[in-house]
Amino acid sequence: MSSRWLRPEVYPLFAATGVAVGICAFSLIRNITGNPEVRVTKENRAAGILDNHAEGEKYKENFLRKYVRNKHPEIMPGINKFFTDPTY
């Protein structure tokens, strides 16, 4: 049975599935540990709606957003410039 699934042709499928599971786990752990709207303990859930705007802003403005805020949204800027800029 194991020789049926452990072929070299199946390795990319395992890699893609592993990456997808890793992204899901990262998102789950990030939301459970850092999201101010997720309350795991019973005492925190009983507190009701909290006005914690500063904590929510801190969660929203993470490192990646700060990094890409002033970047131009291009995947390959050299190729884009080559085909669109007439002086290039």
N, C-alpha and C. Protein backbone atom coordinates (compact mmCIF):
# COMPACT_ATOMS: atom_id res chain seq x y z
N MET A 1 0.82 -1.19 0.00
CA MET A 1 0.00 0.00 0.00
C MET A 1 0.86 1.26 0.00
N SER A 2 1.96 1.24 0.74
CA SER A 2 2.79 2.46 0.80
C SER A 2 3.52 2.70 -0.51
N SER A 3 3.83 1.66 -1.26
CA SER A 3 4.50 1.87 -2.54
C SER A 3 3.57 2.51 -3.57
N ARG A 4 2.29 2.41 -3.35
CA ARG A 4 1.33 2.99 -4.28
C ARG A 4 1.35 4.53 -4.19
N TRP A 5 1.55 5.10 -2.98
CA TRP A 5 1.50 6.54 -2.79
C TRP A 5 2.86 7.19 -2.71
N LEU A 6 3.89 6.45 -2.44
CA LEU A 6 5.23 7.03 -2.31
C LEU A 6 6.03 6.88 -3.60
N ARG A 7 5.52 7.47 -4.63
CA ARG A 7 6.20 7.51 -5.92
C ARG A 7 6.74 8.91 -6.12
N PRO A 8 7.77 9.07 -6.92
CA PRO A 8 8.31 10.42 -7.18
C PRO A 8 7.32 11.36 -7.84
N GLU A 9 6.35 10.84 -8.57
CA GLU A 9 5.37 11.71 -9.21
C GLU A 9 4.44 12.38 -8.20
N VAL A 10 4.32 11.81 -7.02
CA VAL A 10 3.39 12.31 -6.02
C VAL A 10 4.04 13.34 -5.09
N TYR A 11 5.35 13.47 -5.11
CA TYR A 11 6.05 14.39 -4.22
C TYR A 11 5.57 15.84 -4.36
N PRO A 12 5.36 16.37 -5.56
CA PRO A 12 4.84 17.75 -5.63
C PRO A 12 3.47 17.91 -4.98
N LEU A 13 2.64 16.89 -5.08
CA LEU A 13 1.33 16.94 -4.42
C LEU A 13 1.48 16.99 -2.91
N PHE A 14 2.38 16.16 -2.37
CA PHE A 14 2.65 16.20 -0.93
C PHE A 14 3.22 17.55 -0.53
N ALA A 15 4.09 18.12 -1.33
CA ALA A 15 4.68 19.42 -1.01
C ALA A 15 3.61 20.52 -1.01
N ALA A 16 2.75 20.53 -2.01
CA ALA A 16 1.69 21.54 -2.07
C ALA A 16 0.72 21.39 -0.90
N THR A 17 0.37 20.18 -0.57
CA THR A 17 -0.51 19.95 0.56
C THR A 17 0.15 20.35 1.87
N GLY A 18 1.43 20.07 2.00
CA GLY A 18 2.17 20.46 3.20
C GLY A 18 2.24 21.97 3.36
N VAL A 19 2.46 22.68 2.26
CA VAL A 19 2.49 24.15 2.31
C VAL A 19 1.12 24.69 2.69
N ALA A 20 0.06 24.13 2.13
CA ALA A 20 -1.30 24.58 2.46
C ALA A 20 -1.62 24.34 3.93
N VAL A 21 -1.24 23.20 4.45
CA VAL A 21 -1.48 22.90 5.87
C VAL A 21 -0.66 23.85 6.74
N GLY A 22 0.56 24.15 6.33
CA GLY A 22 1.40 25.08 7.09
C GLY A 22 0.81 26.48 7.13
N ILE A 23 0.29 26.95 6.00
CA ILE A 23 -0.34 28.28 5.95
C ILE A 23 -1.58 28.31 6.85
N CYS A 24 -2.37 27.26 6.80
CA CYS A 24 -3.57 27.20 7.66
C CYS A 24 -3.19 27.18 9.13
N ALA A 25 -2.17 26.41 9.49
CA ALA A 25 -1.73 26.35 10.88
C ALA A 25 -1.18 27.70 11.34
N PHE A 26 -0.42 28.37 10.48
CA PHE A 26 0.10 29.70 10.82
C PHE A 26 -1.04 30.67 11.07
N SER A 27 -2.04 30.67 10.20
CA SER A 27 -3.17 31.58 10.35
C SER A 27 -3.95 31.28 11.62
N LEU A 28 -4.18 30.02 11.90
CA LEU A 28 -4.90 29.63 13.10
C LEU A 28 -4.16 30.05 14.36
N ILE A 29 -2.88 29.76 14.42
CA ILE A 29 -2.09 30.11 15.61
C ILE A 29 -1.99 31.62 15.76
N ARG A 30 -1.83 32.34 14.65
CA ARG A 30 -1.75 33.80 14.73
C ARG A 30 -3.04 34.40 15.25
N ASN A 31 -4.19 33.89 14.78
CA ASN A 31 -5.46 34.42 15.23
C ASN A 31 -5.77 34.05 16.68
N ILE A 32 -5.42 32.86 17.09
CA ILE A 32 -5.70 32.47 18.47
C ILE A 32 -4.82 33.25 19.45
N THR A 33 -3.57 33.45 19.10
CA THR A 33 -2.66 34.11 20.04
C THR A 33 -2.66 35.62 19.96
N GLY A 34 -2.99 36.21 18.80
CA GLY A 34 -2.82 37.64 18.68
C GLY A 34 -4.06 38.45 18.39
N ASN A 35 -5.13 37.83 17.91
CA ASN A 35 -6.32 38.59 17.53
C ASN A 35 -7.05 39.06 18.79
N PRO A 36 -7.30 40.35 18.90
CA PRO A 36 -7.97 40.83 20.11
C PRO A 36 -9.44 40.42 20.20
N GLU A 37 -10.05 40.00 19.10
CA GLU A 37 -11.45 39.59 19.13
C GLU A 37 -11.64 38.11 19.47
N VAL A 38 -10.56 37.34 19.49
CA VAL A 38 -10.65 35.92 19.82
C VAL A 38 -10.30 35.76 21.29
N ARG A 39 -11.24 35.20 22.04
CA ARG A 39 -11.03 34.99 23.48
C ARG A 39 -11.20 33.51 23.76
N VAL A 40 -10.14 32.89 24.25
CA VAL A 40 -10.15 31.44 24.44
C VAL A 40 -10.65 31.06 25.83
N THR A 41 -10.25 31.80 26.84
CA THR A 41 -10.63 31.44 28.20
C THR A 41 -12.06 31.89 28.51
N LYS A 42 -12.67 31.23 29.47
CA LYS A 42 -14.06 31.51 29.82
C LYS A 42 -14.20 32.90 30.45
N GLU A 43 -13.21 33.32 31.23
CA GLU A 43 -13.27 34.63 31.86
C GLU A 43 -13.24 35.75 30.82
N ASN A 44 -12.40 35.60 29.81
CA ASN A 44 -12.32 36.62 28.75
C ASN A 44 -13.58 36.65 27.90
N ARG A 45 -14.19 35.49 27.67
CA ARG A 45 -15.43 35.46 26.90
C ARG A 45 -16.57 36.10 27.67
N ALA A 46 -16.57 35.99 28.98
CA ALA A 46 -17.62 36.57 29.80
C ALA A 46 -17.52 38.09 29.88
N ALA A 47 -16.40 38.66 29.48
CA ALA A 47 -16.20 40.10 29.58
C ALA A 47 -17.09 40.87 28.60
N GLY A 48 -17.59 40.24 27.58
CA GLY A 48 -18.45 40.91 26.61
C GLY A 48 -17.63 41.65 25.56
N ILE A 49 -18.22 42.69 25.01
CA ILE A 49 -17.57 43.47 23.96
C ILE A 49 -16.65 44.50 24.60
N LEU A 50 -15.42 44.50 24.20
CA LEU A 50 -14.44 45.43 24.74
C LEU A 50 -14.12 46.50 23.70
N ASP A 51 -13.90 47.72 24.15
CA ASP A 51 -13.48 48.80 23.26
C ASP A 51 -11.96 48.91 23.33
N ASN A 52 -11.28 48.02 22.66
CA ASN A 52 -9.82 48.02 22.67
C ASN A 52 -9.31 48.36 21.27
N HIS A 53 -9.54 49.60 20.88
CA HIS A 53 -9.17 50.03 19.54
C HIS A 53 -7.66 50.02 19.34
N ALA A 54 -6.90 50.36 20.36
CA ALA A 54 -5.44 50.39 20.23
C ALA A 54 -4.89 48.99 19.97
N GLU A 55 -5.42 48.00 20.66
CA GLU A 55 -4.97 46.63 20.47
C GLU A 55 -5.35 46.12 19.08
N GLY A 56 -6.54 46.48 18.61
CA GLY A 56 -6.96 46.08 17.27
C GLY A 56 -6.11 46.74 16.19
N GLU A 57 -5.75 48.00 16.39
CA GLU A 57 -4.88 48.70 15.44
C GLU A 57 -3.50 48.06 15.41
N LYS A 58 -3.00 47.66 16.57
CA LYS A 58 -1.69 47.00 16.64
C LYS A 58 -1.72 45.66 15.89
N TYR A 59 -2.82 44.93 16.03
CA TYR A 59 -2.96 43.66 15.33
C TYR A 59 -3.06 43.86 13.82
N LYS A 60 -3.80 44.89 13.40
CA LYS A 60 -4.00 45.15 11.99
C LYS A 60 -2.73 45.64 11.30
N GLU A 61 -1.99 46.49 11.93
CA GLU A 61 -0.77 47.05 11.34
C GLU A 61 0.43 46.17 11.67
N ASN A 62 0.48 45.00 11.07
CA ASN A 62 1.58 44.09 11.32
C ASN A 62 2.79 44.44 10.46
N PHE A 63 3.87 43.68 10.60
CA PHE A 63 5.12 43.96 9.91
C PHE A 63 4.97 43.93 8.40
N LEU A 64 4.24 42.96 7.88
CA LEU A 64 4.10 42.82 6.43
C LEU A 64 3.36 44.02 5.83
N ARG A 65 2.30 44.48 6.47
CA ARG A 65 1.58 45.65 5.97
C ARG A 65 2.47 46.88 5.98
N LYS A 66 3.24 47.06 7.03
CA LYS A 66 4.13 48.21 7.10
C LYS A 66 5.19 48.14 6.01
N TYR A 67 5.65 46.93 5.70
CA TYR A 67 6.70 46.76 4.70
C TYR A 67 6.19 47.06 3.29
N VAL A 68 5.00 46.58 2.95
CA VAL A 68 4.51 46.73 1.58
C VAL A 68 3.67 47.99 1.37
N ARG A 69 3.49 48.80 2.38
CA ARG A 69 2.63 49.97 2.25
C ARG A 69 3.10 50.92 1.16
N ASN A 70 4.38 51.21 1.07
CA ASN A 70 4.89 52.17 0.10
C ASN A 70 5.52 51.51 -1.14
N LYS A 71 5.31 50.24 -1.31
CA LYS A 71 5.84 49.53 -2.47
C LYS A 71 4.85 49.61 -3.62
N HIS A 72 5.38 49.61 -4.83
CA HIS A 72 4.54 49.60 -6.02
C HIS A 72 4.08 48.16 -6.27
N PRO A 73 2.80 47.91 -6.54
CA PRO A 73 2.30 46.54 -6.65
C PRO A 73 2.65 45.89 -7.98
N GLU A 74 3.90 45.49 -8.12
CA GLU A 74 4.35 44.79 -9.32
C GLU A 74 5.06 43.51 -8.93
N ILE A 75 4.87 42.49 -9.72
CA ILE A 75 5.55 41.23 -9.45
C ILE A 75 6.93 41.23 -10.11
N MET A 76 7.03 41.68 -11.34
CA MET A 76 8.30 41.73 -12.05
C MET A 76 8.49 43.15 -12.60
N PRO A 77 9.01 44.07 -11.79
CA PRO A 77 9.09 45.47 -12.22
C PRO A 77 10.00 45.67 -13.42
N GLY A 78 11.07 44.90 -13.55
CA GLY A 78 11.96 45.06 -14.71
C GLY A 78 11.28 44.74 -16.02
N ILE A 79 10.53 43.65 -16.05
CA ILE A 79 9.82 43.26 -17.27
C ILE A 79 8.69 44.25 -17.56
N ASN A 80 7.98 44.68 -16.52
CA ASN A 80 6.91 45.65 -16.73
C ASN A 80 7.46 46.96 -17.29
N LYS A 81 8.58 47.40 -16.76
CA LYS A 81 9.18 48.64 -17.24
C LYS A 81 9.67 48.48 -18.69
N PHE A 82 10.21 47.32 -19.01
CA PHE A 82 10.71 47.07 -20.36
C PHE A 82 9.60 47.18 -21.40
N PHE A 83 8.41 46.62 -21.08
CA PHE A 83 7.34 46.62 -22.05
C PHE A 83 6.49 47.88 -22.04
N THR A 84 6.52 48.68 -20.99
CA THR A 84 5.65 49.84 -20.91
C THR A 84 6.39 51.17 -21.06
N ASP A 85 7.66 51.24 -20.69
CA ASP A 85 8.39 52.51 -20.75
C ASP A 85 9.03 52.66 -22.14
N PRO A 86 8.65 53.68 -22.92
CA PRO A 86 9.19 53.83 -24.27
C PRO A 86 10.67 54.24 -24.29
N THR A 87 11.18 54.79 -23.21
CA THR A 87 12.59 55.21 -23.19
C THR A 87 13.52 54.12 -22.69
N TYR A 88 13.02 52.97 -22.36
CA TYR A 88 13.84 51.90 -21.79
C TYR A 88 14.60 51.17 -22.84
